[in-house]
Amino acid sequence: MFLLFTFISNAFNQQGRILFSAGPVLVTREGLFLAYMRSVRILLMIGGVKFLMATTSNDALIHAMARLLAPFERTGVPVKDFFHTMGLTLHCFPILQDKLSAQYRKSSSELSAGGIWNKTRMLAMFLLPMFVDSIRSPEAFFMESKKR
């Protein structure tokens, strides 16, 4: 969808040799060429990021991004704090996923019964205690990640 939107938005109303005209919409040869080139660039960027994410660990990517953006620290942007928080968040996601799936399996029979409000109430009943526990003792929460 994103690539299609990029192509279409770049193809219309560009200067050049007109190939198609319908009211205020113009499609030109140069517009099609620009749309093609920009869409291919975005496709290659997405492919490059996917390849990078598949071949590099999260910690290495976060460290590299922090080093790349470190000069912004001089202007007052808290780059180190941001990437430190991002690293902690990425370490929390697997733990959250494990706890949520275990709790969901326990109460899935209760969630299947009732309407949308009952399902929402039951979902809040098993999410809220987990979030409260993680806020009360974050050390215990992260100790589980060290064990993994």
Protein backbone atom coordinates (compact mmCIF):
# COMPACT_ATOMS: atom_id res chain seq x y z
CA MET A 1 0.00 0.00 0.00
CA PHE A 2 2.79 2.40 0.92
CA LEU A 3 4.67 1.77 -2.32
CA LEU A 4 1.48 2.13 -4.35
CA PHE A 5 0.69 5.43 -2.66
CA THR A 6 4.25 6.61 -3.29
CA PHE A 7 4.07 5.68 -6.97
CA ILE A 8 0.69 7.30 -7.57
CA SER A 9 1.47 10.50 -5.67
CA ASN A 10 4.70 10.97 -7.62
CA ALA A 11 3.22 10.09 -11.01
CA PHE A 12 0.56 12.81 -11.08
CA ASN A 13 0.97 16.49 -11.98
CA GLN A 14 4.67 16.51 -12.87
CA GLN A 15 6.17 18.70 -15.59
CA GLY A 16 7.00 17.02 -18.91
CA ARG A 17 5.49 15.27 -21.90
CA ILE A 18 1.83 14.54 -21.19
CA LEU A 19 0.78 10.92 -21.64
CA PHE A 20 -2.67 11.14 -20.08
CA SER A 21 -4.91 14.00 -19.00
CA ALA A 22 -8.23 13.80 -17.19
CA GLY A 23 -9.37 17.14 -15.81
CA PRO A 24 -6.87 18.45 -13.29
CA VAL A 25 -4.88 15.17 -13.24
CA LEU A 26 -1.87 14.93 -15.53
CA VAL A 27 0.33 11.89 -16.06
CA THR A 28 3.61 12.68 -17.76
CA ARG A 29 6.51 10.59 -18.96
CA GLU A 30 8.85 12.27 -16.48
CA GLY A 31 6.29 11.81 -13.70
CA LEU A 32 6.15 8.07 -14.36
CA PHE A 33 9.96 7.89 -14.38
CA LEU A 34 10.20 9.82 -11.08
CA ALA A 35 7.47 7.67 -9.53
CA TYR A 36 9.28 4.50 -10.63
CA MET A 37 12.67 5.65 -9.31
CA ARG A 38 11.33 6.86 -5.96
CA SER A 39 9.27 3.70 -5.44
CA VAL A 40 12.27 1.50 -6.23
CA ARG A 41 14.41 3.50 -3.78
CA ILE A 42 11.87 3.01 -1.02
CA LEU A 43 11.55 -0.69 -1.86
CA LEU A 44 15.33 -1.09 -1.65
CA MET A 45 15.45 0.82 1.66
CA ILE A 46 12.78 -1.44 3.12
CA GLY A 47 14.62 -4.52 1.84
CA GLY A 48 17.90 -3.24 3.28
CA VAL A 49 16.35 -2.65 6.69
CA LYS A 50 14.75 -6.11 6.65
CA PHE A 51 18.13 -7.66 5.77
CA LEU A 52 19.90 -5.64 8.46
CA MET A 53 17.33 -6.63 11.08
CA ALA A 54 17.63 -10.30 10.12
CA THR A 55 21.44 -10.38 10.29
CA THR A 56 22.19 -8.11 13.28
CA SER A 57 21.23 -8.40 16.92
CA ASN A 58 18.97 -5.80 18.50
CA ASP A 59 21.66 -4.72 20.94
CA ALA A 60 24.17 -4.12 18.15
CA LEU A 61 21.63 -2.08 16.17
CA ILE A 62 20.74 0.05 19.19
CA HIS A 63 24.41 0.64 20.00
CA ALA A 64 25.15 1.59 16.37
CA MET A 65 22.20 4.01 16.21
CA ALA A 66 23.27 5.60 19.50
CA ARG A 67 26.82 6.09 18.18
CA LEU A 68 25.50 7.44 14.89
CA LEU A 69 23.26 10.00 16.57
CA ALA A 70 25.67 10.81 19.43
CA PRO A 71 26.62 14.25 17.99
CA PHE A 72 23.08 15.44 18.78
CA GLU A 73 23.96 15.13 22.49
CA ARG A 74 25.91 18.40 22.12
CA THR A 75 22.69 20.22 21.19
CA GLY A 76 20.84 18.88 24.22
CA VAL A 77 18.97 15.98 22.62
CA PRO A 78 19.01 13.04 25.09
CA VAL A 79 20.17 10.42 22.58
CA LYS A 80 21.82 8.08 25.11
CA ASP A 81 18.76 8.11 27.38
CA PHE A 82 16.45 7.40 24.46
CA PHE A 83 18.44 4.43 23.19
CA HIS A 84 18.98 3.07 26.70
CA THR A 85 15.20 3.11 27.19
CA MET A 86 14.72 1.51 23.78
CA GLY A 87 17.09 -1.31 24.70
CA LEU A 88 15.25 -1.97 27.95
CA THR A 89 11.94 -1.97 26.12
CA LEU A 90 13.17 -4.51 23.59
CA HIS A 91 14.34 -6.76 26.43
CA CYS A 92 10.88 -6.50 28.06
CA PHE A 93 8.83 -7.51 25.02
CA PRO A 94 9.62 -11.26 25.13
CA ILE A 95 8.89 -11.37 28.86
CA LEU A 96 5.61 -9.54 28.38
CA GLN A 97 4.67 -11.84 25.53
CA ASP A 98 5.37 -14.96 27.60
CA LYS A 99 3.44 -13.69 30.60
CA LEU A 100 0.51 -12.50 28.50
CA SER A 101 0.23 -15.77 26.58
CA ALA A 102 0.42 -17.84 29.77
CA GLN A 103 -2.22 -15.73 31.48
CA TYR A 104 -4.37 -15.74 28.34
CA ARG A 105 -4.28 -19.54 28.17
CA LYS A 106 -5.39 -19.70 31.79
CA SER A 107 -8.40 -17.48 31.25
CA SER A 108 -9.22 -18.16 27.58
CA SER A 109 -12.28 -20.20 28.48
CA GLU A 110 -13.65 -17.23 30.40
CA LEU A 111 -12.84 -14.80 27.58
CA SER A 112 -14.71 -16.77 24.95
CA ALA A 113 -18.00 -16.39 26.81
CA GLY A 114 -19.99 -13.16 26.75
CA GLY A 115 -20.07 -10.01 24.69
CA ILE A 116 -17.42 -7.44 23.92
CA TRP A 117 -17.73 -5.72 27.32
CA ASN A 118 -17.26 -8.99 29.18
CA LYS A 119 -14.20 -9.79 27.06
CA THR A 120 -12.78 -6.33 27.71
CA ARG A 121 -13.38 -6.67 31.44
CA MET A 122 -11.70 -10.08 31.54
CA LEU A 123 -8.76 -8.79 29.49
CA ALA A 124 -8.27 -5.91 31.93
CA MET A 125 -8.51 -8.33 34.86
CA PHE A 126 -5.48 -10.29 33.73
CA LEU A 127 -3.46 -7.40 32.23
CA LEU A 128 -3.70 -5.03 35.18
CA PRO A 129 -2.07 -7.29 37.81
CA MET A 130 0.84 -8.04 35.50
CA PHE A 131 1.49 -4.35 34.84
CA VAL A 132 1.22 -3.54 38.55
CA ASP A 133 3.74 -6.27 39.39
CA SER A 134 6.17 -4.99 36.74
CA ILE A 135 5.92 -1.45 38.12
CA ARG A 136 6.27 -2.50 41.76
CA SER A 137 9.38 -4.61 41.26
CA PRO A 138 11.11 -3.97 37.93
CA GLU A 139 14.23 -5.73 39.23
CA ALA A 140 12.35 -9.02 39.53
CA PHE A 141 10.85 -8.41 36.11
CA PHE A 142 14.30 -8.02 34.52
CA MET A 143 15.77 -10.92 36.43
CA GLU A 144 13.50 -13.17 34.38
CA SER A 145 15.06 -11.77 31.20
CA LYS A 146 18.57 -12.52 32.53
CA LYS A 147 17.54 -16.13 33.17
CA ARG A 148 16.40 -16.48 29.55
